[in-house]
Amino acid sequence: MEKSDNFFEKVHEVAKNIPYGRVTSYGAIAKYLSAPRSARMVGWAMNNTNQNPDIPAHRVVNRVGLLTGKHHFDGTNLMQQLLESEGILIKELQIQDFKNVFWDPTLELK
């Protein structure tokens, strides 16, 4: 992973590693970056990244699998549509089987 001193850039680098068909949470990224109380800052870093195809912002959700960042995507259901196109089941804006599609950067990245 690329090294940066900028927290937002670090968040983006972690997000780029989220595998297709998997999701992670704002808090998991914050914990990986040794800033466990900075989930909200991770959310701010993810705002407006949906225009950058290199950063799969749609794969970052809240700690219980809710699509809380959906309003930052164009269209009404774009975040949900992108996740569903990767095989992730969503009901009432919540990822179903969240535990099995969750990707933990602390276990996957070094």
PDB file of N, CA and C in Angstrom:
ATOM      1  N   MET A   1       0.829  -1.175   0.000  1.00  0.00           N
ATOM      2  CA  MET A   1       0.000   0.000   0.000  1.00  0.00           C
ATOM      3  C   MET A   1       0.882   1.250   0.000  1.00  0.00           C
ATOM      4  N   GLU A   2       0.444   2.243  -0.743  1.00  0.00           N
ATOM      5  CA  GLU A   2       1.194   3.495  -0.858  1.00  0.00           C
ATOM      6  C   GLU A   2       1.200   4.254   0.468  1.00  0.00           C
ATOM      7  N   LYS A   3       2.308   4.857   0.788  1.00  0.00           N
ATOM      8  CA  LYS A   3       2.437   5.618   2.036  1.00  0.00           C
ATOM      9  C   LYS A   3       2.081   7.083   1.798  1.00  0.00           C
ATOM     10  N   SER A   4       1.322   7.654   2.742  1.00  0.00           N
ATOM     11  CA  SER A   4       0.943   9.052   2.658  1.00  0.00           C
ATOM     12  C   SER A   4       0.824   9.612   4.067  1.00  0.00           C
ATOM     13  N   ASP A   5       1.042  10.906   4.201  1.00  0.00           N
ATOM     14  CA  ASP A   5       0.854  11.566   5.487  1.00  0.00           C
ATOM     15  C   ASP A   5      -0.559  12.122   5.604  1.00  0.00           C
ATOM     16  N   ASN A   6      -1.276  12.207   4.504  1.00  0.00           N
ATOM     17  CA  ASN A   6      -2.615  12.759   4.474  1.00  0.00           C
ATOM     18  C   ASN A   6      -3.637  11.680   4.846  1.00  0.00           C
ATOM     19  N   PHE A   7      -4.423  11.918   5.900  1.00  0.00           N
ATOM     20  CA  PHE A   7      -5.378  10.917   6.377  1.00  0.00           C
ATOM     21  C   PHE A   7      -6.375  10.526   5.288  1.00  0.00           C
ATOM     22  N   PHE A   8      -6.908  11.501   4.555  1.00  0.00           N
ATOM     23  CA  PHE A   8      -7.881  11.192   3.504  1.00  0.00           C
ATOM     24  C   PHE A   8      -7.256  10.305   2.436  1.00  0.00           C
ATOM     25  N   GLU A   9      -6.016  10.595   2.053  1.00  0.00           N
ATOM     26  CA  GLU A   9      -5.332   9.768   1.053  1.00  0.00           C
ATOM     27  C   GLU A   9      -5.117   8.353   1.581  1.00  0.00           C
ATOM     28  N   LYS A  10      -4.796   8.228   2.867  1.00  0.00           N
ATOM     29  CA  LYS A  10      -4.635   6.903   3.470  1.00  0.00           C
ATOM     30  C   LYS A  10      -5.952   6.133   3.413  1.00  0.00           C
ATOM     31  N   VAL A  11      -7.046   6.807   3.706  1.00  0.00           N
ATOM     32  CA  VAL A  11      -8.373   6.181   3.628  1.00  0.00           C
ATOM     33  C   VAL A  11      -8.631   5.691   2.211  1.00  0.00           C
ATOM     34  N   HIS A  12      -8.343   6.522   1.232  1.00  0.00           N
ATOM     35  CA  HIS A  12      -8.569   6.152  -0.168  1.00  0.00           C
ATOM     36  C   HIS A  12      -7.723   4.949  -0.566  1.00  0.00           C
ATOM     37  N   GLU A  13      -6.483   4.896  -0.089  1.00  0.00           N
ATOM     38  CA  GLU A  13      -5.614   3.758  -0.402  1.00  0.00           C
ATOM     39  C   GLU A  13      -6.172   2.456   0.182  1.00  0.00           C
ATOM     40  N   VAL A  14      -6.706   2.507   1.395  1.00  0.00           N
ATOM     41  CA  VAL A  14      -7.318   1.310   1.988  1.00  0.00           C
ATOM     42  C   VAL A  14      -8.536   0.915   1.170  1.00  0.00           C
ATOM     43  N   ALA A  15      -9.387   1.888   0.839  1.00  0.00           N
ATOM     44  CA  ALA A  15     -10.611   1.597   0.096  1.00  0.00           C
ATOM     45  C   ALA A  15     -10.319   0.946  -1.258  1.00  0.00           C
ATOM     46  N   LYS A  16      -9.227   1.340  -1.886  1.00  0.00           N
ATOM     47  CA  LYS A  16      -8.864   0.752  -3.183  1.00  0.00           C
ATOM     48  C   LYS A  16      -8.603  -0.755  -3.083  1.00  0.00           C
ATOM     49  N   ASN A  17      -8.341  -1.233  -1.890  1.00  0.00           N
ATOM     50  CA  ASN A  17      -8.024  -2.649  -1.690  1.00  0.00           C
ATOM     51  C   ASN A  17      -9.235  -3.514  -1.351  1.00  0.00           C
ATOM     52  N   ILE A  18     -10.399  -2.912  -1.177  1.00  0.00           N
ATOM     53  CA  ILE A  18     -11.591  -3.698  -0.833  1.00  0.00           C
ATOM     54  C   ILE A  18     -11.942  -4.572  -2.036  1.00  0.00           C
ATOM     55  N   PRO A  19     -11.982  -5.882  -1.841  1.00  0.00           N
ATOM     56  CA  PRO A  19     -12.244  -6.771  -2.973  1.00  0.00           C
ATOM     57  C   PRO A  19     -13.668  -6.639  -3.528  1.00  0.00           C
ATOM     58  N   TYR A  20     -13.796  -6.940  -4.792  1.00  0.00           N
ATOM     59  CA  TYR A  20     -15.097  -7.010  -5.469  1.00  0.00           C
ATOM     60  C   TYR A  20     -15.999  -7.972  -4.696  1.00  0.00           C
ATOM     61  N   GLY A  21     -17.238  -7.566  -4.468  1.00  0.00           N
ATOM     62  CA  GLY A  21     -18.192  -8.419  -3.772  1.00  0.00           C
ATOM     63  C   GLY A  21     -18.054  -8.431  -2.263  1.00  0.00           C
ATOM     64  N   ARG A  22     -17.254  -7.537  -1.726  1.00  0.00           N
ATOM     65  CA  ARG A  22     -17.044  -7.436  -0.281  1.00  0.00           C
ATOM     66  C   ARG A  22     -17.257  -5.988   0.144  1.00  0.00           C
ATOM     67  N   VAL A  23     -17.463  -5.773   1.426  1.00  0.00           N
ATOM     68  CA  VAL A  23     -17.628  -4.431   1.978  1.00  0.00           C
ATOM     69  C   VAL A  23     -16.830  -4.313   3.263  1.00  0.00           C
ATOM     70  N   THR A  24     -16.576  -3.089   3.660  1.00  0.00           N
ATOM     71  CA  THR A  24     -15.970  -2.825   4.955  1.00  0.00           C
ATOM     72  C   THR A  24     -16.695  -1.647   5.578  1.00  0.00           C
ATOM     73  N   SER A  25     -16.291  -1.281   6.772  1.00  0.00           N
ATOM     74  CA  SER A  25     -16.962  -0.177   7.463  1.00  0.00           C
ATOM     75  C   SER A  25     -16.002   0.993   7.662  1.00  0.00           C
ATOM     76  N   TYR A  26     -16.604   2.141   7.924  1.00  0.00           N
ATOM     77  CA  TYR A  26     -15.809   3.333   8.220  1.00  0.00           C
ATOM     78  C   TYR A  26     -14.908   3.064   9.427  1.00  0.00           C
ATOM     79  N   GLY A  27     -15.476   2.426  10.433  1.00  0.00           N
ATOM     80  CA  GLY A  27     -14.733   2.129  11.651  1.00  0.00           C
ATOM     81  C   GLY A  27     -13.587   1.160  11.438  1.00  0.00           C
ATOM     82  N   ALA A  28     -13.793   0.165  10.569  1.00  0.00           N
ATOM     83  CA  ALA A  28     -12.724  -0.802  10.295  1.00  0.00           C
ATOM     84  C   ALA A  28     -11.543  -0.117   9.613  1.00  0.00           C
ATOM     85  N   ILE A  29     -11.837   0.803   8.716  1.00  0.00           N
ATOM     86  CA  ILE A  29     -10.756   1.551   8.062  1.00  0.00           C
ATOM     87  C   ILE A  29     -10.044   2.427   9.092  1.00  0.00           C
ATOM     88  N   ALA A  30     -10.812   3.099   9.938  1.00  0.00           N
ATOM     89  CA  ALA A  30     -10.214   3.949  10.979  1.00  0.00           C
ATOM     90  C   ALA A  30      -9.313   3.129  11.895  1.00  0.00           C
ATOM     91  N   LYS A  31      -9.793   1.965  12.305  1.00  0.00           N
ATOM     92  CA  LYS A  31      -9.001   1.093  13.185  1.00  0.00           C
ATOM     93  C   LYS A  31      -7.711   0.667  12.492  1.00  0.00           C
ATOM     94  N   TYR A  32      -7.807   0.284  11.216  1.00  0.00           N
ATOM     95  CA  TYR A  32      -6.620  -0.118  10.462  1.00  0.00           C
ATOM     96  C   TYR A  32      -5.594   1.019  10.418  1.00  0.00           C
ATOM     97  N   LEU A  33      -6.076   2.255  10.318  1.00  0.00           N
ATOM     98  CA  LEU A  33      -5.182   3.416  10.232  1.00  0.00           C
ATOM     99  C   LEU A  33      -4.744   3.917  11.604  1.00  0.00           C
ATOM    100  N   SER A  34      -4.957   3.084  12.626  1.00  0.00           N
ATOM    101  CA  SER A  34      -4.571   3.414  14.008  1.00  0.00           C
ATOM    102  C   SER A  34      -5.263   4.677  14.519  1.00  0.00           C
ATOM    103  N   ALA A  35      -6.487   4.879  14.071  1.00  0.00           N
ATOM    104  CA  ALA A  35      -7.293   6.022  14.518  1.00  0.00           C
ATOM    105  C   ALA A  35      -8.707   5.519  14.807  1.00  0.00           C
ATOM    106  N   PRO A  36      -8.853   4.596  15.775  1.00  0.00           N
ATOM    107  CA  PRO A  36     -10.126   3.903  15.983  1.00  0.00           C
ATOM    108  C   PRO A  36     -11.329   4.791  16.293  1.00  0.00           C
ATOM    109  N   ARG A  37     -11.100   6.007  16.702  1.00  0.00           N
ATOM    110  CA  ARG A  37     -12.214   6.918  16.994  1.00  0.00           C
ATOM    111  C   ARG A  37     -12.507   7.872  15.834  1.00  0.00           C
ATOM    112  N   SER A  38     -11.980   7.556  14.675  1.00  0.00           N
ATOM    113  CA  SER A  38     -12.096   8.465  13.536  1.00  0.00           C
ATOM    114  C   SER A  38     -12.983   7.940  12.412  1.00  0.00           C
ATOM    115  N   ALA A  39     -13.972   7.122  12.751  1.00  0.00           N
ATOM    116  CA  ALA A  39     -14.878   6.591  11.722  1.00  0.00           C
ATOM    117  C   ALA A  39     -15.564   7.719  10.957  1.00  0.00           C
ATOM    118  N   ARG A  40     -15.967   8.751  11.662  1.00  0.00           N
ATOM    119  CA  ARG A  40     -16.637   9.879  10.996  1.00  0.00           C
ATOM    120  C   ARG A  40     -15.693  10.567  10.015  1.00  0.00           C
ATOM    121  N   MET A  41     -14.421  10.691  10.383  1.00  0.00           N
ATOM    122  CA  MET A  41     -13.442  11.285   9.459  1.00  0.00           C
ATOM    123  C   MET A  41     -13.262  10.420   8.215  1.00  0.00           C
ATOM    124  N   VAL A  42     -13.310   9.103   8.405  1.00  0.00           N
ATOM    125  CA  VAL A  42     -13.244   8.195   7.254  1.00  0.00           C
ATOM    126  C   VAL A  42     -14.435   8.479   6.341  1.00  0.00           C
ATOM    127  N   GLY A  43     -15.607   8.670   6.933  1.00  0.00           N
ATOM    128  CA  GLY A  43     -16.791   9.011   6.150  1.00  0.00           C
ATOM    129  C   GLY A  43     -16.601  10.287   5.362  1.00  0.00           C
ATOM    130  N   TRP A  44     -16.026  11.299   5.993  1.00  0.00           N
ATOM    131  CA  TRP A  44     -15.755  12.549   5.286  1.00  0.00           C
ATOM    132  C   TRP A  44     -14.781  12.319   4.131  1.00  0.00           C
ATOM    133  N   ALA A  45     -13.788  11.484   4.368  1.00  0.00           N
ATOM    134  CA  ALA A  45     -12.804  11.183   3.313  1.00  0.00           C
ATOM    135  C   ALA A  45     -13.465  10.482   2.131  1.00  0.00           C
ATOM    136  N   MET A  46     -14.500   9.702   2.412  1.00  0.00           N
ATOM    137  CA  MET A  46     -15.169   8.960   1.344  1.00  0.00           C
ATOM    138  C   MET A  46     -16.161   9.826   0.563  1.00  0.00           C
ATOM    139  N   ASN A  47     -16.583  10.958   1.124  1.00  0.00           N
ATOM    140  CA  ASN A  47     -17.509  11.855   0.417  1.00  0.00           C
ATOM    141  C   ASN A  47     -16.914  12.273  -0.920  1.00  0.00           C
ATOM    142  N   ASN A  48     -17.726  12.257  -1.920  1.00  0.00           N
ATOM    143  CA  ASN A  48     -17.367  12.707  -3.270  1.00  0.00           C
ATOM    144  C   ASN A  48     -16.308  11.857  -3.962  1.00  0.00           C
ATOM    145  N   THR A  49     -15.995  10.687  -3.427  1.00  0.00           N
ATOM    146  CA  THR A  49     -15.036   9.819  -4.125  1.00  0.00           C
ATOM    147  C   THR A  49     -15.751   8.920  -5.120  1.00  0.00           C
ATOM    148  N   ASN A  50     -17.088   8.952  -5.112  1.00  0.00           N
ATOM    149  CA  ASN A  50     -17.826   8.088  -6.031  1.00  0.00           C
ATOM    150  C   ASN A  50     -17.595   8.461  -7.492  1.00  0.00           C
ATOM    151  N   GLN A  51     -17.015   9.610  -7.762  1.00  0.00           N
ATOM    152  CA  GLN A  51     -16.689  10.010  -9.127  1.00  0.00           C
ATOM    153  C   GLN A  51     -15.340   9.442  -9.577  1.00  0.00           C
ATOM    154  N   ASN A  52     -14.571   8.893  -8.644  1.00  0.00           N
ATOM    155  CA  ASN A  52     -13.262   8.331  -8.955  1.00  0.00           C
ATOM    156  C   ASN A  52     -13.399   6.808  -9.074  1.00  0.00           C
ATOM    157  N   PRO A  53     -13.293   6.271 -10.282  1.00  0.00           N
ATOM    158  CA  PRO A  53     -13.490   4.826 -10.464  1.00  0.00           C
ATOM    159  C   PRO A  53     -12.433   3.956  -9.770  1.00  0.00           C
ATOM    160  N   ASP A  54     -11.320   4.563  -9.356  1.00  0.00           N
ATOM    161  CA  ASP A  54     -10.273   3.807  -8.664  1.00  0.00           C
ATOM    162  C   ASP A  54     -10.588   3.580  -7.191  1.00  0.00           C
ATOM    163  N   ILE A  55     -11.567   4.317  -6.670  1.00  0.00           N
ATOM    164  CA  ILE A  55     -11.924   4.198  -5.256  1.00  0.00           C
ATOM    165  C   ILE A  55     -13.348   3.648  -5.157  1.00  0.00           C
ATOM    166  N   PRO A  56     -13.504   2.391  -4.760  1.00  0.00           N
ATOM    167  CA  PRO A  56     -14.838   1.788  -4.678  1.00  0.00           C
ATOM    168  C   PRO A  56     -15.584   2.226  -3.411  1.00  0.00           C
ATOM    169  N   ALA A  57     -15.974   3.502  -3.383  1.00  0.00           N
ATOM    170  CA  ALA A  57     -16.626   4.083  -2.208  1.00  0.00           C
ATOM    171  C   ALA A  57     -17.915   3.357  -1.846  1.00  0.00           C
ATOM    172  N   HIS A  58     -18.569   2.744  -2.824  1.00  0.00           N
ATOM    173  CA  HIS A  58     -19.825   2.036  -2.551  1.00  0.00           C
ATOM    174  C   HIS A  58     -19.624   0.833  -1.634  1.00  0.00           C
ATOM    175  N   ARG A  59     -18.396   0.390  -1.474  1.00  0.00           N
ATOM    176  CA  ARG A  59     -18.097  -0.771  -0.626  1.00  0.00           C
ATOM    177  C   ARG A  59     -17.821  -0.401   0.827  1.00  0.00           C
ATOM    178  N   VAL A  60     -17.999   0.859   1.185  1.00  0.00           N
ATOM    179  CA  VAL A  60     -17.781   1.296   2.569  1.00  0.00           C
ATOM    180  C   VAL A  60     -19.139   1.681   3.168  1.00  0.00           C
ATOM    181  N   VAL A  61     -19.496   1.011   4.245  1.00  0.00           N
ATOM    182  CA  VAL A  61     -20.808   1.192   4.878  1.00  0.00           C
ATOM    183  C   VAL A  61     -20.619   1.402   6.380  1.00  0.00           C
ATOM    184  N   ASN A  62     -21.714   1.553   7.096  1.00  0.00           N
ATOM    185  CA  ASN A  62     -21.552   1.744   8.538  1.00  0.00           C
ATOM    186  C   ASN A  62     -21.345   0.399   9.242  1.00  0.00           C
ATOM    187  N   ARG A  63     -21.174   0.427  10.538  1.00  0.00           N
ATOM    188  CA  ARG A  63     -20.765  -0.759  11.297  1.00  0.00           C
ATOM    189  C   ARG A  63     -21.776  -1.898  11.321  1.00  0.00           C
ATOM    190  N   VAL A  64     -23.021  -1.628  10.946  1.00  0.00           N
ATOM    191  CA  VAL A  64     -24.024  -2.694  10.910  1.00  0.00           C
ATOM    192  C   VAL A  64     -24.483  -2.997   9.485  1.00  0.00           C
ATOM    193  N   GLY A  65     -23.797  -2.417   8.512  1.00  0.00           N
ATOM    194  CA  GLY A  65     -24.096  -2.717   7.120  1.00  0.00           C
ATOM    195  C   GLY A  65     -25.137  -1.830   6.469  1.00  0.00           C
ATOM    196  N   LEU A  66     -25.438  -0.695   7.079  1.00  0.00           N
ATOM    197  CA  LEU A  66     -26.381   0.246   6.461  1.00  0.00           C
ATOM    198  C   LEU A  66     -25.672   1.104   5.417  1.00  0.00           C
ATOM    199  N   LEU A  67     -26.384   1.410   4.347  1.00  0.00           N
ATOM    200  CA  LEU A  67     -25.825   2.221   3.267  1.00  0.00           C
ATOM    201  C   LEU A  67     -25.954   3.706   3.614  1.00  0.00           C
ATOM    202  N   THR A  68     -25.270   4.126   4.642  1.00  0.00           N
ATOM    203  CA  THR A  68     -25.389   5.488   5.140  1.00  0.00           C
ATOM    204  C   THR A  68     -24.774   6.521   4.191  1.00  0.00           C
ATOM    205  N   GLY A  69     -23.891   6.119   3.303  1.00  0.00           N
ATOM    206  CA  GLY A  69     -23.262   7.058   2.373  1.00  0.00           C
ATOM    207  C   GLY A  69     -23.994   7.183   1.055  1.00  0.00           C
ATOM    208  N   LYS A  70     -25.162   6.577   0.929  1.00  0.00           N
ATOM    209  CA  LYS A  70     -25.875   6.521  -0.348  1.00  0.00           C
ATOM    210  C   LYS A  70     -26.202   7.886  -0.934  1.00  0.00           C
ATOM    211  N   HIS A  71     -26.414   8.886  -0.096  1.00  0.00           N
ATOM    212  CA  HIS A  71     -26.776  10.215  -0.601  1.00  0.00           C
ATOM    213  C   HIS A  71     -25.617  10.929  -1.305  1.00  0.00           C
ATOM    214  N   HIS A  72     -24.416  10.367  -1.229  1.00  0.00           N
ATOM    215  CA  HIS A  72     -23.267  10.949  -1.921  1.00  0.00           C
ATOM    216  C   HIS A  72     -23.091  10.404  -3.338  1.00  0.00           C
ATOM    217  N   PHE A  73     -24.008   9.527  -3.739  1.00  0.00           N
ATOM    218  CA  PHE A  73     -23.944   8.935  -5.069  1.00  0.00           C
ATOM    219  C   PHE A  73     -25.028   9.543  -5.950  1.00  0.00           C
ATOM    220  N   ASP A  74     -24.711   9.689  -7.246  1.00  0.00           N
ATOM    221  CA  ASP A  74     -25.705  10.199  -8.188  1.00  0.00           C
ATOM    222  C   ASP A  74     -26.859   9.211  -8.286  1.00  0.00           C
ATOM    223  N   GLY A  75     -28.040   9.724  -8.578  1.00  0.00           N
ATOM    224  CA  GLY A  75     -29.204   8.854  -8.718  1.00  0.00           C
ATOM    225  C   GLY A  75     -29.747   8.453  -7.361  1.00  0.00           C
ATOM    226  N   THR A  76     -30.853   7.770  -7.374  1.00  0.00           N
ATOM    227  CA  THR A  76     -31.499   7.417  -6.112  1.00  0.00           C
ATOM    228  C   THR A  76     -30.908   6.190  -5.458  1.00  0.00           C
ATOM    229  N   ASN A  77     -30.574   5.191  -6.242  1.00  0.00           N
ATOM    230  CA  ASN A  77     -30.128   3.913  -5.676  1.00  0.00           C
ATOM    231  C   ASN A  77     -28.763   3.471  -6.184  1.00  0.00           C
ATOM    232  N   LEU A  78     -27.933   4.376  -6.637  1.00  0.00           N
ATOM    233  CA  LEU A  78     -26.676   3.966  -7.275  1.00  0.00           C
ATOM    234  C   LEU A  78     -25.797   3.120  -6.366  1.00  0.00           C
ATOM    235  N   MET A  79     -25.638   3.508  -5.119  1.00  0.00           N
ATOM    236  CA  MET A  79     -24.792   2.734  -4.208  1.00  0.00           C
ATOM    237  C   MET A  79     -25.330   1.309  -4.086  1.00  0.00           C
ATOM    238  N   GLN A  80     -26.624   1.187  -3.880  1.00  0.00           N
ATOM    239  CA  GLN A  80     -27.243  -0.129  -3.763  1.00  0.00           C
ATOM    240  C   GLN A  80     -27.100  -0.920  -5.055  1.00  0.00           C
ATOM    241  N   GLN A  81     -27.314  -0.277  -6.188  1.00  0.00           N
ATOM    242  CA  GLN A  81     -27.196  -0.960  -7.475  1.00  0.00           C
ATOM    243  C   GLN A  81     -25.776  -1.478  -7.706  1.00  0.00           C
ATOM    244  N   LEU A  82     -24.784  -0.677  -7.360  1.00  0.00           N
ATOM    245  CA  LEU A  82     -23.390  -1.103  -7.524  1.00  0.00           C
ATOM    246  C   LEU A  82     -23.093  -2.319  -6.650  1.00  0.00           C
ATOM    247  N   LEU A  83     -23.547  -2.297  -5.410  1.00  0.00           N
ATOM    248  CA  LEU A  83     -23.321  -3.431  -4.513  1.00  0.00           C
ATOM    249  C   LEU A  83     -24.066  -4.670  -5.000  1.00  0.00           C
ATOM    250  N   GLU A  84     -25.294  -4.487  -5.422  1.00  0.00           N
ATOM    251  CA  GLU A  84     -26.070  -5.631  -5.914  1.00  0.00           C
ATOM    252  C   GLU A  84     -25.461  -6.217  -7.181  1.00  0.00           C
ATOM    253  N   SER A  85     -24.853  -5.366  -8.012  1.00  0.00           N
ATOM    254  CA  SER A  85     -24.203  -5.870  -9.227  1.00  0.00           C
ATOM    255  C   SER A  85     -22.988  -6.737  -8.898  1.00  0.00           C
ATOM    256  N   GLU A  86     -22.488  -6.603  -7.660  1.00  0.00           N
ATOM    257  CA  GLU A  86     -21.363  -7.423  -7.197  1.00  0.00           C
ATOM    258  C   GLU A  86     -21.853  -8.642  -6.416  1.00  0.00           C
ATOM    259  N   GLY A  87     -23.176  -8.840  -6.380  1.00  0.00           N
ATOM    260  CA  GLY A  87     -23.730 -10.019  -5.721  1.00  0.00           C
ATOM    261  C   GLY A  87     -24.081  -9.829  -4.251  1.00  0.00           C
ATOM    262  N   ILE A  88     -24.043  -8.601  -3.765  1.00  0.00           N
ATOM    263  CA  ILE A  88     -24.353  -8.331  -2.357  1.00  0.00           C
ATOM    264  C   ILE A  88     -25.863  -8.092  -2.232  1.00  0.00           C
ATOM    265  N   LEU A  89     -26.491  -8.817  -1.336  1.00  0.00           N
ATOM    266  CA  LEU A  89     -27.929  -8.690  -1.125  1.00  0.00           C
ATOM    267  C   LEU A  89     -28.218  -7.568  -0.143  1.00  0.00           C
ATOM    268  N   ILE A  90     -29.195  -6.724  -0.509  1.00  0.00           N
ATOM    269  CA  ILE A  90     -29.557  -5.576   0.316  1.00  0.00           C
ATOM    270  C   ILE A  90     -31.068  -5.550   0.477  1.00  0.00           C
ATOM    271  N   LYS A  91     -31.498  -5.333   1.702  1.00  0.00           N
ATOM    272  CA  LYS A  91     -32.928  -5.207   1.990  1.00  0.00           C
ATOM    273  C   LYS A  91     -33.103  -3.996   2.896  1.00  0.00           C
ATOM    274  N   GLU A  92     -33.970  -3.084   2.493  1.00  0.00           N
ATOM    275  CA  GLU A  92     -34.231  -1.862   3.251  1.00  0.00           C
ATOM    276  C   GLU A  92     -32.942  -1.130   3.621  1.00  0.00           C
ATOM    277  N   LEU A  93     -32.085  -0.958   2.619  1.00  0.00           N
ATOM    278  CA  LEU A  93     -30.811  -0.232   2.736  1.00  0.00           C
ATOM    279  C   LEU A  93     -29.807  -0.875   3.685  1.00  0.00           C
ATOM    280  N   GLN A  94     -29.985  -2.155   3.993  1.00  0.00           N
ATOM    281  CA  GLN A  94     -29.035  -2.857   4.862  1.00  0.00           C
ATOM    282  C   GLN A  94     -28.534  -4.112   4.166  1.00  0.00           C
ATOM    283  N   ILE A  95     -27.225  -4.302   4.240  1.00  0.00           N
ATOM    284  CA  ILE A  95     -26.604  -5.480   3.644  1.00  0.00           C
ATOM    285  C   ILE A  95     -27.018  -6.716   4.428  1.00  0.00           C
ATOM    286  N   GLN A  96     -27.493  -7.694   3.695  1.00  0.00           N
ATOM    287  CA  GLN A  96     -27.866  -8.966   4.294  1.00  0.00           C
ATOM    288  C   GLN A  96     -26.607  -9.838   4.353  1.00  0.00           C
ATOM    289  N   ASP A  97     -26.515 -10.678   5.333  1.00  0.00           N
ATOM    290  CA  ASP A  97     -25.349 -11.543   5.502  1.00  0.00           C
ATOM    291  C   ASP A  97     -24.067 -10.713   5.619  1.00  0.00           C
ATOM    292  N   PHE A  98     -24.188  -9.599   6.312  1.00  0.00           N
ATOM    293  CA  PHE A  98     -23.084  -8.635   6.450  1.00  0.00           C
ATOM    294  C   PHE A  98     -21.803  -9.297   6.953  1.00  0.00           C
ATOM    295  N   LYS A  99     -21.941 -10.170   7.912  1.00  0.00           N
ATOM    296  CA  LYS A  99     -20.772 -10.822   8.513  1.00  0.00           C
ATOM    297  C   LYS A  99     -19.949 -11.590   7.470  1.00  0.00           C
ATOM    298  N   ASN A 100     -20.623 -12.210   6.504  1.00  0.00           N
ATOM    299  CA  ASN A 100     -19.914 -13.016   5.509  1.00  0.00           C
ATOM    300  C   ASN A 100     -19.333 -12.219   4.350  1.00  0.00           C
ATOM    301  N   VAL A 101     -19.833 -11.016   4.110  1.00  0.00           N
ATOM    302  CA  VAL A 101     -19.271 -10.195   3.026  1.00  0.00           C
ATOM    303  C   VAL A 101     -18.340  -9.110   3.566  1.00  0.00           C
ATOM    304  N   PHE A 102     -18.205  -9.045   4.890  1.00  0.00           N
ATOM    305  CA  PHE A 102     -17.361  -8.035   5.517  1.00  0.00           C
ATOM    306  C   PHE A 102     -15.888  -8.333   5.276  1.00  0.00           C
ATOM    307  N   TRP A 103     -15.152  -7.312   4.885  1.00  0.00           N
ATOM    308  CA  TRP A 103     -13.707  -7.396   4.652  1.00  0.00           C
ATOM    309  C   TRP A 103     -13.020  -6.537   5.712  1.00  0.00           C
ATOM    310  N   ASP A 104     -12.152  -7.149   6.484  1.00  0.00           N
ATOM    311  CA  ASP A 104     -11.458  -6.452   7.565  1.00  0.00           C
ATOM    312  C   ASP A 104     -10.040  -6.114   7.132  1.00  0.00           C
ATOM    313  N   PRO A 105      -9.741  -4.831   6.909  1.00  0.00           N
ATOM    314  CA  PRO A 105      -8.399  -4.468   6.446  1.00  0.00           C
ATOM    315  C   PRO A 105      -7.302  -4.835   7.439  1.00  0.00           C
ATOM    316  N   THR A 106      -7.625  -4.905   8.733  1.00  0.00           N
ATOM    317  CA  THR A 106      -6.582  -5.258   9.708  1.00  0.00           C
ATOM    318  C   THR A 106      -6.124  -6.702   9.554  1.00  0.00           C
ATOM    319  N   LEU A 107      -6.993  -7.532   8.967  1.00  0.00           N
ATOM    320  CA  LEU A 107      -6.621  -8.933   8.734  1.00  0.00           C
ATOM    321  C   LEU A 107      -6.056  -9.159   7.340  1.00  0.00           C
ATOM    322  N   GLU A 108      -6.400  -8.273   6.401  1.00  0.00           N
ATOM    323  CA  GLU A 108      -6.046  -8.490   5.004  1.00  0.00           C
ATOM    324  C   GLU A 108      -4.862  -7.674   4.515  1.00  0.00           C
ATOM    325  N   LEU A 109      -4.643  -6.511   5.088  1.00  0.00           N
ATOM    326  CA  LEU A 109      -3.550  -5.637   4.628  1.00  0.00           C
ATOM    327  C   LEU A 109      -2.433  -5.628   5.644  1.00  0.00           C
ATOM    328  N   LYS A 110      -1.232  -5.470   5.168  1.00  0.00           N
ATOM    329  CA  LYS A 110      -0.075  -5.409   6.063  1.00  0.00           C
ATOM    330  C   LYS A 110       0.611  -4.088   5.960  1.00  0.00           C
TER     331      LYS A 110
END
